[in-house]
mmCIF file of all heavy atoms, coordinates in Angstrom:
data_MODEL
# 
_entry.id   MODEL 
# 
loop_
_atom_site.group_PDB 
_atom_site.id 
_atom_site.type_symbol 
_atom_site.label_atom_id 
_atom_site.label_alt_id 
_atom_site.label_comp_id 
_atom_site.label_asym_id 
_atom_site.label_entity_id 
_atom_site.label_seq_id 
_atom_site.pdbx_PDB_ins_code 
_atom_site.Cartn_x 
_atom_site.Cartn_y 
_atom_site.Cartn_z 
_atom_site.occupancy 
_atom_site.B_iso_or_equiv 
_atom_site.pdbx_formal_charge 
_atom_site.auth_seq_id 
_atom_site.auth_comp_id 
_atom_site.auth_asym_id 
_atom_site.auth_atom_id 
_atom_site.pdbx_PDB_model_num 
ATOM 1   N N   . ALA A 1 1  ? 66.035 -22.256 20.630 1.00 0.00 ? 1  ALA A N   1 
ATOM 2   C CA  . ALA A 1 1  ? 66.419 -21.169 21.407 1.00 0.00 ? 1  ALA A CA  1 
ATOM 3   C C   . ALA A 1 1  ? 67.191 -21.629 22.607 1.00 0.00 ? 1  ALA A C   1 
ATOM 4   O O   . ALA A 1 1  ? 67.046 -22.746 23.127 1.00 0.00 ? 1  ALA A O   1 
ATOM 5   C CB  . ALA A 1 1  ? 65.251 -20.273 21.941 1.00 0.00 ? 1  ALA A CB  1 
ATOM 6   N N   . ARG A 1 2  ? 68.132 -20.785 23.064 1.00 0.00 ? 2  ARG A N   1 
ATOM 7   C CA  . ARG A 1 2  ? 68.929 -21.152 24.283 1.00 0.00 ? 2  ARG A CA  1 
ATOM 8   C C   . ARG A 1 2  ? 68.592 -20.063 25.311 1.00 0.00 ? 2  ARG A C   1 
ATOM 9   O O   . ARG A 1 2  ? 68.710 -18.851 25.075 1.00 0.00 ? 2  ARG A O   1 
ATOM 10  C CB  . ARG A 1 2  ? 70.431 -21.090 23.897 1.00 0.00 ? 2  ARG A CB  1 
ATOM 11  C CG  . ARG A 1 2  ? 71.357 -21.371 25.166 1.00 0.00 ? 2  ARG A CG  1 
ATOM 12  C CD  . ARG A 1 2  ? 72.798 -21.313 24.660 1.00 0.00 ? 2  ARG A CD  1 
ATOM 13  N NE  . ARG A 1 2  ? 73.819 -21.706 25.687 1.00 0.00 ? 2  ARG A NE  1 
ATOM 14  C CZ  . ARG A 1 2  ? 74.276 -20.871 26.591 1.00 0.00 ? 2  ARG A CZ  1 
ATOM 15  N NH1 . ARG A 1 2  ? 73.915 -19.539 26.444 1.00 0.00 ? 2  ARG A NH1 1 
ATOM 16  N NH2 . ARG A 1 2  ? 75.157 -21.211 27.450 1.00 0.00 ? 2  ARG A NH2 1 
ATOM 17  N N   . PHE A 1 3  ? 68.261 -20.491 26.540 1.00 0.00 ? 3  PHE A N   1 
ATOM 18  C CA  . PHE A 1 3  ? 67.803 -19.619 27.609 1.00 0.00 ? 3  PHE A CA  1 
ATOM 19  C C   . PHE A 1 3  ? 68.793 -19.707 28.710 1.00 0.00 ? 3  PHE A C   1 
ATOM 20  O O   . PHE A 1 3  ? 69.347 -20.817 29.140 1.00 0.00 ? 3  PHE A O   1 
ATOM 21  C CB  . PHE A 1 3  ? 66.388 -19.965 28.061 1.00 0.00 ? 3  PHE A CB  1 
ATOM 22  C CG  . PHE A 1 3  ? 65.358 -19.937 26.944 1.00 0.00 ? 3  PHE A CG  1 
ATOM 23  C CD1 . PHE A 1 3  ? 64.941 -21.061 26.262 1.00 0.00 ? 3  PHE A CD1 1 
ATOM 24  C CD2 . PHE A 1 3  ? 64.749 -18.700 26.616 1.00 0.00 ? 3  PHE A CD2 1 
ATOM 25  C CE1 . PHE A 1 3  ? 63.994 -21.017 25.351 1.00 0.00 ? 3  PHE A CE1 1 
ATOM 26  C CE2 . PHE A 1 3  ? 63.778 -18.670 25.607 1.00 0.00 ? 3  PHE A CE2 1 
ATOM 27  C CZ  . PHE A 1 3  ? 63.356 -19.836 24.997 1.00 0.00 ? 3  PHE A CZ  1 
ATOM 28  N N   . THR A 1 4  ? 68.827 -18.576 29.437 1.00 0.00 ? 4  THR A N   1 
ATOM 29  C CA  . THR A 1 4  ? 69.557 -18.566 30.719 1.00 0.00 ? 4  THR A CA  1 
ATOM 30  C C   . THR A 1 4  ? 68.650 -17.953 31.706 1.00 0.00 ? 4  THR A C   1 
ATOM 31  O O   . THR A 1 4  ? 67.686 -17.088 31.424 1.00 0.00 ? 4  THR A O   1 
ATOM 32  C CB  . THR A 1 4  ? 70.852 -17.689 30.640 1.00 0.00 ? 4  THR A CB  1 
ATOM 33  O OG1 . THR A 1 4  ? 70.571 -16.230 30.223 1.00 0.00 ? 4  THR A OG1 1 
ATOM 34  C CG2 . THR A 1 4  ? 71.897 -18.230 29.677 1.00 0.00 ? 4  THR A CG2 1 
ATOM 35  N N   . VAL A 1 5  ? 68.796 -18.304 33.012 1.00 0.00 ? 5  VAL A N   1 
ATOM 36  C CA  . VAL A 1 5  ? 67.897 -17.995 34.002 1.00 0.00 ? 5  VAL A CA  1 
ATOM 37  C C   . VAL A 1 5  ? 68.664 -17.574 35.248 1.00 0.00 ? 5  VAL A C   1 
ATOM 38  O O   . VAL A 1 5  ? 69.698 -18.114 35.629 1.00 0.00 ? 5  VAL A O   1 
ATOM 39  C CB  . VAL A 1 5  ? 66.876 -19.075 34.280 1.00 0.00 ? 5  VAL A CB  1 
ATOM 40  C CG1 . VAL A 1 5  ? 67.483 -20.319 34.808 1.00 0.00 ? 5  VAL A CG1 1 
ATOM 41  C CG2 . VAL A 1 5  ? 65.722 -18.593 35.230 1.00 0.00 ? 5  VAL A CG2 1 
ATOM 42  N N   . THR A 1 6  ? 68.078 -16.668 35.974 1.00 0.00 ? 6  THR A N   1 
ATOM 43  C CA  . THR A 1 6  ? 68.666 -16.228 37.343 1.00 0.00 ? 6  THR A CA  1 
ATOM 44  C C   . THR A 1 6  ? 67.563 -16.283 38.332 1.00 0.00 ? 6  THR A C   1 
ATOM 45  O O   . THR A 1 6  ? 66.433 -15.761 38.067 1.00 0.00 ? 6  THR A O   1 
ATOM 46  C CB  . THR A 1 6  ? 69.315 -14.848 37.251 1.00 0.00 ? 6  THR A CB  1 
ATOM 47  O OG1 . THR A 1 6  ? 70.290 -14.723 36.314 1.00 0.00 ? 6  THR A OG1 1 
ATOM 48  C CG2 . THR A 1 6  ? 69.882 -14.449 38.648 1.00 0.00 ? 6  THR A CG2 1 
ATOM 49  N N   . PRO A 1 7  ? 67.705 -16.928 39.487 1.00 0.00 ? 7  PRO A N   1 
ATOM 50  C CA  . PRO A 1 7  ? 68.963 -17.530 39.874 1.00 0.00 ? 7  PRO A CA  1 
ATOM 51  C C   . PRO A 1 7  ? 69.185 -19.021 39.275 1.00 0.00 ? 7  PRO A C   1 
ATOM 52  O O   . PRO A 1 7  ? 68.224 -19.572 38.733 1.00 0.00 ? 7  PRO A O   1 
ATOM 53  C CB  . PRO A 1 7  ? 68.663 -17.728 41.451 1.00 0.00 ? 7  PRO A CB  1 
ATOM 54  C CG  . PRO A 1 7  ? 67.190 -17.791 41.540 1.00 0.00 ? 7  PRO A CG  1 
ATOM 55  C CD  . PRO A 1 7  ? 66.611 -16.958 40.496 1.00 0.00 ? 7  PRO A CD  1 
ATOM 56  N N   . ALA A 1 8  ? 70.399 -19.474 39.305 1.00 0.00 ? 8  ALA A N   1 
ATOM 57  C CA  . ALA A 1 8  ? 70.713 -20.755 38.679 1.00 0.00 ? 8  ALA A CA  1 
ATOM 58  C C   . ALA A 1 8  ? 70.044 -21.861 39.291 1.00 0.00 ? 8  ALA A C   1 
ATOM 59  O O   . ALA A 1 8  ? 70.078 -22.990 38.795 1.00 0.00 ? 8  ALA A O   1 
ATOM 60  C CB  . ALA A 1 8  ? 72.212 -20.878 38.612 1.00 0.00 ? 8  ALA A CB  1 
ATOM 61  N N   . SER A 1 9  ? 69.386 -21.706 40.362 1.00 0.00 ? 9  SER A N   1 
ATOM 62  C CA  . SER A 1 9  ? 68.769 -22.791 41.157 1.00 0.00 ? 9  SER A CA  1 
ATOM 63  C C   . SER A 1 9  ? 67.426 -23.177 40.448 1.00 0.00 ? 9  SER A C   1 
ATOM 64  O O   . SER A 1 9  ? 66.850 -24.192 40.817 1.00 0.00 ? 9  SER A O   1 
ATOM 65  C CB  . SER A 1 9  ? 68.501 -22.423 42.542 1.00 0.00 ? 9  SER A CB  1 
ATOM 66  O OG  . SER A 1 9  ? 67.737 -21.265 42.728 1.00 0.00 ? 9  SER A OG  1 
ATOM 67  N N   . VAL A 1 10 ? 66.981 -22.248 39.568 1.00 0.00 ? 10 VAL A N   1 
ATOM 68  C CA  . VAL A 1 10 ? 65.628 -22.606 38.881 1.00 0.00 ? 10 VAL A CA  1 
ATOM 69  C C   . VAL A 1 10 ? 65.845 -23.831 37.998 1.00 0.00 ? 10 VAL A C   1 
ATOM 70  O O   . VAL A 1 10 ? 66.815 -23.919 37.183 1.00 0.00 ? 10 VAL A O   1 
ATOM 71  C CB  . VAL A 1 10 ? 65.193 -21.444 38.002 1.00 0.00 ? 10 VAL A CB  1 
ATOM 72  C CG1 . VAL A 1 10 ? 63.998 -21.802 37.170 1.00 0.00 ? 10 VAL A CG1 1 
ATOM 73  C CG2 . VAL A 1 10 ? 64.932 -20.160 38.798 1.00 0.00 ? 10 VAL A CG2 1 
ATOM 74  N N   . THR A 1 11 ? 64.929 -24.786 38.072 1.00 0.00 ? 11 THR A N   1 
ATOM 75  C CA  . THR A 1 11 ? 65.106 -26.038 37.331 1.00 0.00 ? 11 THR A CA  1 
ATOM 76  C C   . THR A 1 11 ? 64.162 -26.204 36.181 1.00 0.00 ? 11 THR A C   1 
ATOM 77  O O   . THR A 1 11 ? 64.405 -27.033 35.343 1.00 0.00 ? 11 THR A O   1 
ATOM 78  C CB  . THR A 1 11 ? 64.784 -27.234 38.377 1.00 0.00 ? 11 THR A CB  1 
ATOM 79  O OG1 . THR A 1 11 ? 63.461 -27.100 38.872 1.00 0.00 ? 11 THR A OG1 1 
ATOM 80  C CG2 . THR A 1 11 ? 65.838 -27.288 39.453 1.00 0.00 ? 11 THR A CG2 1 
ATOM 81  N N   . ASN A 1 12 ? 63.127 -25.373 36.140 1.00 0.00 ? 12 ASN A N   1 
ATOM 82  C CA  . ASN A 1 12 ? 62.193 -25.397 34.974 1.00 0.00 ? 12 ASN A CA  1 
ATOM 83  C C   . ASN A 1 12 ? 61.315 -24.216 34.889 1.00 0.00 ? 12 ASN A C   1 
ATOM 84  O O   . ASN A 1 12 ? 61.000 -23.603 35.812 1.00 0.00 ? 12 ASN A O   1 
ATOM 85  C CB  . ASN A 1 12 ? 61.338 -26.698 34.967 1.00 0.00 ? 12 ASN A CB  1 
ATOM 86  C CG  . ASN A 1 12 ? 60.337 -26.706 36.015 1.00 0.00 ? 12 ASN A CG  1 
ATOM 87  O OD1 . ASN A 1 12 ? 59.105 -26.226 35.724 1.00 0.00 ? 12 ASN A OD1 1 
ATOM 88  N ND2 . ASN A 1 12 ? 60.587 -27.196 37.253 1.00 0.00 ? 12 ASN A ND2 1 
ATOM 89  N N   . LEU A 1 13 ? 60.911 -23.790 33.645 1.00 0.00 ? 13 LEU A N   1 
ATOM 90  C CA  . LEU A 1 13 ? 60.083 -22.792 33.341 1.00 0.00 ? 13 LEU A CA  1 
ATOM 91  C C   . LEU A 1 13 ? 59.265 -23.098 32.174 1.00 0.00 ? 13 LEU A C   1 
ATOM 92  O O   . LEU A 1 13 ? 59.651 -23.802 31.255 1.00 0.00 ? 13 LEU A O   1 
ATOM 93  C CB  . LEU A 1 13 ? 60.938 -21.484 33.088 1.00 0.00 ? 13 LEU A CB  1 
ATOM 94  C CG  . LEU A 1 13 ? 61.562 -20.760 34.239 1.00 0.00 ? 13 LEU A CG  1 
ATOM 95  C CD1 . LEU A 1 13 ? 62.493 -19.655 33.662 1.00 0.00 ? 13 LEU A CD1 1 
ATOM 96  C CD2 . LEU A 1 13 ? 60.560 -20.245 35.210 1.00 0.00 ? 13 LEU A CD2 1 
ATOM 97  N N   . THR A 1 14 ? 58.046 -22.605 32.168 1.00 0.00 ? 14 THR A N   1 
ATOM 98  C CA  . THR A 1 14 ? 57.191 -22.650 30.929 1.00 0.00 ? 14 THR A CA  1 
ATOM 99  C C   . THR A 1 14 ? 57.401 -21.381 30.119 1.00 0.00 ? 14 THR A C   1 
ATOM 100 O O   . THR A 1 14 ? 57.176 -20.391 30.583 1.00 0.00 ? 14 THR A O   1 
ATOM 101 C CB  . THR A 1 14 ? 55.726 -22.847 31.311 1.00 0.00 ? 14 THR A CB  1 
ATOM 102 O OG1 . THR A 1 14 ? 55.642 -24.149 32.010 1.00 0.00 ? 14 THR A OG1 1 
ATOM 103 C CG2 . THR A 1 14 ? 54.865 -22.920 30.080 1.00 0.00 ? 14 THR A CG2 1 
ATOM 104 N N   . ILE A 1 15 ? 57.860 -21.587 28.794 1.00 0.00 ? 15 ILE A N   1 
ATOM 105 C CA  . ILE A 1 15 ? 58.202 -20.455 27.991 1.00 0.00 ? 15 ILE A CA  1 
ATOM 106 C C   . ILE A 1 15 ? 57.453 -20.580 26.633 1.00 0.00 ? 15 ILE A C   1 
ATOM 107 O O   . ILE A 1 15 ? 57.368 -21.676 26.002 1.00 0.00 ? 15 ILE A O   1 
ATOM 108 C CB  . ILE A 1 15 ? 59.731 -20.405 27.717 1.00 0.00 ? 15 ILE A CB  1 
ATOM 109 C CG1 . ILE A 1 15 ? 60.505 -20.227 29.002 1.00 0.00 ? 15 ILE A CG1 1 
ATOM 110 C CG2 . ILE A 1 15 ? 60.091 -19.366 26.801 1.00 0.00 ? 15 ILE A CG2 1 
ATOM 111 C CD1 . ILE A 1 15 ? 61.988 -20.409 28.959 1.00 0.00 ? 15 ILE A CD1 1 
ATOM 112 N N   . GLY A 1 16 ? 56.944 -19.448 26.253 1.00 0.00 ? 16 GLY A N   1 
ATOM 113 C CA  . GLY A 1 16 ? 56.230 -19.333 24.947 1.00 0.00 ? 16 GLY A CA  1 
ATOM 114 C C   . GLY A 1 16 ? 56.322 -17.955 24.444 1.00 0.00 ? 16 GLY A C   1 
ATOM 115 O O   . GLY A 1 16 ? 57.091 -17.060 24.965 1.00 0.00 ? 16 GLY A O   1 
ATOM 116 N N   . ALA A 1 17 ? 55.707 -17.645 23.324 1.00 0.00 ? 17 ALA A N   1 
ATOM 117 C CA  . ALA A 1 17 ? 55.572 -16.200 22.865 1.00 0.00 ? 17 ALA A CA  1 
ATOM 118 C C   . ALA A 1 17 ? 54.214 -16.019 22.185 1.00 0.00 ? 17 ALA A C   1 
ATOM 119 O O   . ALA A 1 17 ? 53.667 -16.939 21.565 1.00 0.00 ? 17 ALA A O   1 
ATOM 120 C CB  . ALA A 1 17 ? 56.708 -16.006 21.802 1.00 0.00 ? 17 ALA A CB  1 
ATOM 121 N N   . THR A 1 18 ? 53.770 -14.722 22.354 1.00 0.00 ? 18 THR A N   1 
ATOM 122 C CA  . THR A 1 18 ? 52.431 -14.453 21.909 1.00 0.00 ? 18 THR A CA  1 
ATOM 123 C C   . THR A 1 18 ? 52.380 -13.355 20.886 1.00 0.00 ? 18 THR A C   1 
ATOM 124 O O   . THR A 1 18 ? 53.381 -12.581 20.726 1.00 0.00 ? 18 THR A O   1 
ATOM 125 C CB  . THR A 1 18 ? 51.516 -14.063 23.080 1.00 0.00 ? 18 THR A CB  1 
ATOM 126 O OG1 . THR A 1 18 ? 52.166 -12.883 23.804 1.00 0.00 ? 18 THR A OG1 1 
ATOM 127 C CG2 . THR A 1 18 ? 51.335 -15.129 24.063 1.00 0.00 ? 18 THR A CG2 1 
ATOM 128 N N   . VAL A 1 19 ? 51.281 -13.247 20.132 1.00 0.00 ? 19 VAL A N   1 
ATOM 129 C CA  . VAL A 1 19 ? 51.221 -12.384 19.102 1.00 0.00 ? 19 VAL A CA  1 
ATOM 130 C C   . VAL A 1 19 ? 51.316 -10.977 19.389 1.00 0.00 ? 19 VAL A C   1 
ATOM 131 O O   . VAL A 1 19 ? 50.892 -10.562 20.525 1.00 0.00 ? 19 VAL A O   1 
ATOM 132 C CB  . VAL A 1 19 ? 49.915 -12.669 18.291 1.00 0.00 ? 19 VAL A CB  1 
ATOM 133 C CG1 . VAL A 1 19 ? 48.765 -12.391 19.201 1.00 0.00 ? 19 VAL A CG1 1 
ATOM 134 C CG2 . VAL A 1 19 ? 49.792 -11.797 17.079 1.00 0.00 ? 19 VAL A CG2 1 
ATOM 135 N N   . SER A 1 20 ? 51.921 -10.096 18.675 1.00 0.00 ? 20 SER A N   1 
ATOM 136 C CA  . SER A 1 20 ? 51.956 -8.724  18.858 1.00 0.00 ? 20 SER A CA  1 
ATOM 137 C C   . SER A 1 20 ? 52.036 -7.974  17.500 1.00 0.00 ? 20 SER A C   1 
ATOM 138 O O   . SER A 1 20 ? 52.490 -8.517  16.549 1.00 0.00 ? 20 SER A O   1 
ATOM 139 C CB  . SER A 1 20 ? 52.997 -8.184  19.863 1.00 0.00 ? 20 SER A CB  1 
ATOM 140 O OG  . SER A 1 20 ? 54.237 -8.339  19.139 1.00 0.00 ? 20 SER A OG  1 
ATOM 141 N N   . GLY A 1 21 ? 51.588 -6.735  17.487 1.00 0.00 ? 21 GLY A N   1 
ATOM 142 C CA  . GLY A 1 21 ? 51.646 -5.926  16.245 1.00 0.00 ? 21 GLY A CA  1 
ATOM 143 C C   . GLY A 1 21 ? 50.448 -6.015  15.374 1.00 0.00 ? 21 GLY A C   1 
ATOM 144 O O   . GLY A 1 21 ? 49.704 -6.987  15.423 1.00 0.00 ? 21 GLY A O   1 
ATOM 145 N N   . ALA A 1 22 ? 50.155 -4.954  14.569 1.00 0.00 ? 22 ALA A N   1 
ATOM 146 C CA  . ALA A 1 22 ? 49.065 -4.995  13.726 1.00 0.00 ? 22 ALA A CA  1 
ATOM 147 C C   . ALA A 1 22 ? 49.047 -6.007  12.651 1.00 0.00 ? 22 ALA A C   1 
ATOM 148 O O   . ALA A 1 22 ? 48.011 -6.552  12.228 1.00 0.00 ? 22 ALA A O   1 
ATOM 149 C CB  . ALA A 1 22 ? 48.791 -3.584  13.182 1.00 0.00 ? 22 ALA A CB  1 
ATOM 150 N N   . THR A 1 23 ? 50.201 -6.174  12.044 1.00 0.00 ? 23 THR A N   1 
ATOM 151 C CA  . THR A 1 23 ? 50.409 -7.096  10.928 1.00 0.00 ? 23 THR A CA  1 
ATOM 152 C C   . THR A 1 23 ? 51.549 -8.070  11.212 1.00 0.00 ? 23 THR A C   1 
ATOM 153 O O   . THR A 1 23 ? 52.603 -7.989  10.527 1.00 0.00 ? 23 THR A O   1 
ATOM 154 C CB  . THR A 1 23 ? 50.557 -6.283  9.579  1.00 0.00 ? 23 THR A CB  1 
ATOM 155 O OG1 . THR A 1 23 ? 51.820 -5.480  9.737  1.00 0.00 ? 23 THR A OG1 1 
ATOM 156 C CG2 . THR A 1 23 ? 49.411 -5.541  9.239  1.00 0.00 ? 23 THR A CG2 1 
ATOM 157 N N   . PRO A 1 24 ? 51.419 -8.956  12.212 1.00 0.00 ? 24 PRO A N   1 
ATOM 158 C CA  . PRO A 1 24 ? 52.452 -9.888  12.497 1.00 0.00 ? 24 PRO A CA  1 
ATOM 159 C C   . PRO A 1 24 ? 52.734 -10.899 11.423 1.00 0.00 ? 24 PRO A C   1 
ATOM 160 O O   . PRO A 1 24 ? 51.918 -11.106 10.626 1.00 0.00 ? 24 PRO A O   1 
ATOM 161 C CB  . PRO A 1 24 ? 51.984 -10.513 13.777 1.00 0.00 ? 24 PRO A CB  1 
ATOM 162 C CG  . PRO A 1 24 ? 50.480 -10.410 13.660 1.00 0.00 ? 24 PRO A CG  1 
ATOM 163 C CD  . PRO A 1 24 ? 50.246 -9.079  13.048 1.00 0.00 ? 24 PRO A CD  1 
ATOM 164 N N   . ILE A 1 25 ? 53.960 -11.435 11.371 1.00 0.00 ? 25 ILE A N   1 
ATOM 165 C CA  . ILE A 1 25 ? 54.405 -12.344 10.313 1.00 0.00 ? 25 ILE A CA  1 
ATOM 166 C C   . ILE A 1 25 ? 54.421 -13.778 10.733 1.00 0.00 ? 25 ILE A C   1 
ATOM 167 O O   . ILE A 1 25 ? 53.887 -14.648 10.080 1.00 0.00 ? 25 ILE A O   1 
ATOM 168 C CB  . ILE A 1 25 ? 55.835 -11.876 9.877  1.00 0.00 ? 25 ILE A CB  1 
ATOM 169 C CG1 . ILE A 1 25 ? 55.749 -10.478 9.336  1.00 0.00 ? 25 ILE A CG1 1 
ATOM 170 C CG2 . ILE A 1 25 ? 56.303 -12.798 8.761  1.00 0.00 ? 25 ILE A CG2 1 
ATOM 171 C CD1 . ILE A 1 25 ? 57.147 -9.888  9.013  1.00 0.00 ? 25 ILE A CD1 1 
ATOM 172 N N   . LEU A 1 26 ? 55.057 -14.089 11.875 1.00 0.00 ? 26 LEU A N   1 
ATOM 173 C CA  . LEU A 1 26 ? 55.159 -15.452 12.295 1.00 0.00 ? 26 LEU A CA  1 
ATOM 174 C C   . LEU A 1 26 ? 54.014 -15.818 13.206 1.00 0.00 ? 26 LEU A C   1 
ATOM 175 O O   . LEU A 1 26 ? 53.021 -15.068 13.368 1.00 0.00 ? 26 LEU A O   1 
ATOM 176 C CB  . LEU A 1 26 ? 56.505 -15.661 12.989 1.00 0.00 ? 26 LEU A CB  1 
ATOM 177 C CG  . LEU A 1 26 ? 57.774 -15.418 12.157 1.00 0.00 ? 26 LEU A CG  1 
ATOM 178 C CD1 . LEU A 1 26 ? 58.982 -15.684 12.976 1.00 0.00 ? 26 LEU A CD1 1 
ATOM 179 C CD2 . LEU A 1 26 ? 57.710 -16.409 10.932 1.00 0.00 ? 26 LEU A CD2 1 
ATOM 180 N N   . ALA A 1 27 ? 54.094 -16.965 13.839 1.00 0.00 ? 27 ALA A N   1 
ATOM 181 C CA  . ALA A 1 27 ? 53.006 -17.458 14.682 1.00 0.00 ? 27 ALA A CA  1 
ATOM 182 C C   . ALA A 1 27 ? 53.399 -17.478 16.142 1.00 0.00 ? 27 ALA A C   1 
ATOM 183 O O   . ALA A 1 27 ? 54.617 -17.334 16.432 1.00 0.00 ? 27 ALA A O   1 
ATOM 184 C CB  . ALA A 1 27 ? 52.610 -18.920 14.243 1.00 0.00 ? 27 ALA A CB  1 
ATOM 185 N N   . ASP A 1 28 ? 52.436 -17.610 17.085 1.00 0.00 ? 28 ASP A N   1 
ATOM 186 C CA  . ASP A 1 28 ? 52.774 -17.802 18.460 1.00 0.00 ? 28 ASP A CA  1 
ATOM 187 C C   . ASP A 1 28 ? 53.650 -18.987 18.581 1.00 0.00 ? 28 ASP A C   1 
ATOM 188 O O   . ASP A 1 28 ? 53.572 -19.964 17.906 1.00 0.00 ? 28 ASP A O   1 
ATOM 189 C CB  . ASP A 1 28 ? 51.504 -18.074 19.241 1.00 0.00 ? 28 ASP A CB  1 
ATOM 190 C CG  . ASP A 1 28 ? 50.626 -16.795 19.459 1.00 0.00 ? 28 ASP A CG  1 
ATOM 191 O OD1 . ASP A 1 28 ? 51.113 -15.691 19.101 1.00 0.00 ? 28 ASP A OD1 1 
ATOM 192 O OD2 . ASP A 1 28 ? 49.583 -16.946 19.932 1.00 0.00 ? 28 ASP A OD2 1 
ATOM 193 N N   . LEU A 1 29 ? 54.539 -18.976 19.610 1.00 0.00 ? 29 LEU A N   1 
ATOM 194 C CA  . LEU A 1 29 ? 55.264 -20.198 19.938 1.00 0.00 ? 29 LEU A CA  1 
ATOM 195 C C   . LEU A 1 29 ? 54.542 -20.846 21.100 1.00 0.00 ? 29 LEU A C   1 
ATOM 196 O O   . LEU A 1 29 ? 54.091 -20.209 22.085 1.00 0.00 ? 29 LEU A O   1 
ATOM 197 C CB  . LEU A 1 29 ? 56.617 -19.807 20.529 1.00 0.00 ? 29 LEU A CB  1 
ATOM 198 C CG  . LEU A 1 29 ? 57.692 -19.340 19.437 1.00 0.00 ? 29 LEU A CG  1 
ATOM 199 C CD1 . LEU A 1 29 ? 58.978 -18.906 20.057 1.00 0.00 ? 29 LEU A CD1 1 
ATOM 200 C CD2 . LEU A 1 29 ? 57.952 -20.412 18.399 1.00 0.00 ? 29 LEU A CD2 1 
ATOM 201 N N   . VAL A 1 30 ? 54.347 -22.147 20.934 1.00 0.00 ? 30 VAL A N   1 
ATOM 202 C CA  . VAL A 1 30 ? 53.582 -23.007 21.906 1.00 0.00 ? 30 VAL A CA  1 
ATOM 203 C C   . VAL A 1 30 ? 54.338 -22.959 23.215 1.00 0.00 ? 30 VAL A C   1 
ATOM 204 O O   . VAL A 1 30 ? 55.506 -23.177 23.308 1.00 0.00 ? 30 VAL A O   1 
ATOM 205 C CB  . VAL A 1 30 ? 53.430 -24.412 21.376 1.00 0.00 ? 30 VAL A CB  1 
ATOM 206 C CG1 . VAL A 1 30 ? 52.718 -25.224 22.454 1.00 0.00 ? 30 VAL A CG1 1 
ATOM 207 C CG2 . VAL A 1 30 ? 52.606 -24.520 20.119 1.00 0.00 ? 30 VAL A CG2 1 
ATOM 208 N N   . ALA A 1 31 ? 53.567 -22.733 24.295 1.00 0.00 ? 31 ALA A N   1 
ATOM 209 C CA  . ALA A 1 31 ? 54.192 -22.747 25.609 1.00 0.00 ? 31 ALA A CA  1 
ATOM 210 C C   . ALA A 1 31 ? 54.713 -24.107 25.964 1.00 0.00 ? 31 ALA A C   1 
ATOM 211 O O   . ALA A 1 31 ? 54.021 -25.140 25.805 1.00 0.00 ? 31 ALA A O   1 
ATOM 212 C CB  . ALA A 1 31 ? 53.140 -22.256 26.689 1.00 0.00 ? 31 ALA A CB  1 
# 
């Protein structure tokens, strides 16, 4: 994935994704 952030002065972020939906297909993305 390619991410953009505002303000541009941010130097790092912890990013992941969590489960949603009754019958999800893929897995969580590790933070």
